[in-house]
Amino acid sequence: MFKSHSIGKEDSYSRIDYILLSKGMAHEWVKEDSYVFATANWGLASDHRPVVCGFVAEDK
């Protein structure tokens, strides 16, 4: 589970965003390819930071 927290005024983090997986998706999740996206200007468009998760589809 990845969490992203943000409060713009204080430049601190407290908002929590989640990625929820079904049991089937959990088997295809690639933990090493999953992270909270960060760039220098991430807070200009939103107070949320994208949560990125990698998957390998095994049942095609």
Protein backbone atom coordinates (compact mmCIF):
# COMPACT_ATOMS: atom_id res chain seq x y z
CA MET A 1 0.00 0.00 0.00
CA PHE A 2 1.26 3.46 -0.90
CA LYS A 3 0.15 6.66 0.78
CA SER A 4 0.45 10.22 -0.43
CA HIS A 5 -0.30 13.03 2.02
CA SER A 6 -0.47 16.77 1.33
CA ILE A 7 -1.36 20.12 2.88
CA GLY A 8 -0.28 22.96 0.56
CA LYS A 9 -0.33 25.80 3.11
CA GLU A 10 2.06 24.07 5.45
CA ASP A 11 3.96 22.25 2.70
CA SER A 12 3.43 19.09 4.71
CA TYR A 13 1.63 15.83 4.11
CA SER A 14 -1.64 14.59 5.62
CA ARG A 15 -3.98 13.59 2.76
CA ILE A 16 -3.98 9.85 2.11
CA ASP A 17 -4.46 8.32 -1.36
CA TYR A 18 -4.67 4.59 -1.95
CA ILE A 19 -4.49 1.98 -4.66
CA LEU A 20 -6.89 -0.88 -3.94
CA LEU A 21 -6.28 -4.30 -5.49
CA SER A 22 -8.58 -7.24 -5.97
CA LYS A 23 -7.20 -10.66 -4.99
CA GLY A 24 -6.59 -11.41 -8.68
CA MET A 25 -4.71 -8.15 -9.28
CA ALA A 26 -2.64 -8.60 -6.12
CA HIS A 27 -1.02 -11.69 -7.68
CA GLU A 28 0.05 -9.62 -10.72
CA TRP A 29 1.28 -6.57 -8.77
CA VAL A 30 4.99 -5.69 -9.16
CA LYS A 31 5.98 -4.02 -5.90
CA GLU A 32 9.34 -2.80 -7.29
CA ASP A 33 7.51 -0.88 -10.07
CA SER A 34 5.16 0.90 -7.65
CA TYR A 35 5.77 4.29 -6.07
CA VAL A 36 4.40 7.74 -5.25
CA PHE A 37 5.25 9.94 -8.26
CA ALA A 38 7.35 12.99 -7.44
CA THR A 39 8.63 15.84 -9.57
CA ALA A 40 9.84 19.30 -8.62
CA ASN A 41 6.48 20.93 -9.53
CA TRP A 42 4.09 18.17 -8.50
CA GLY A 43 1.87 20.48 -6.40
CA LEU A 44 1.08 23.06 -9.11
CA ALA A 45 -1.94 21.27 -10.59
CA SER A 46 -3.26 19.33 -7.61
CA ASP A 47 -2.70 18.66 -3.93
CA HIS A 48 -2.54 14.92 -4.71
CA ARG A 49 0.54 13.06 -5.83
CA PRO A 50 -0.11 10.26 -8.30
CA VAL A 51 0.34 6.74 -6.97
CA VAL A 52 1.86 4.54 -9.69
CA CYS A 53 1.61 0.74 -9.58
CA GLY A 54 3.15 -1.79 -11.94
CA PHE A 55 1.44 -5.02 -12.96
CA VAL A 56 2.29 -8.04 -15.07
CA ALA A 57 -0.80 -9.57 -16.71
CA GLU A 58 -0.48 -13.33 -16.39
CA ASP A 59 -4.03 -14.32 -17.40
CA LYS A 60 -4.29 -12.88 -20.93
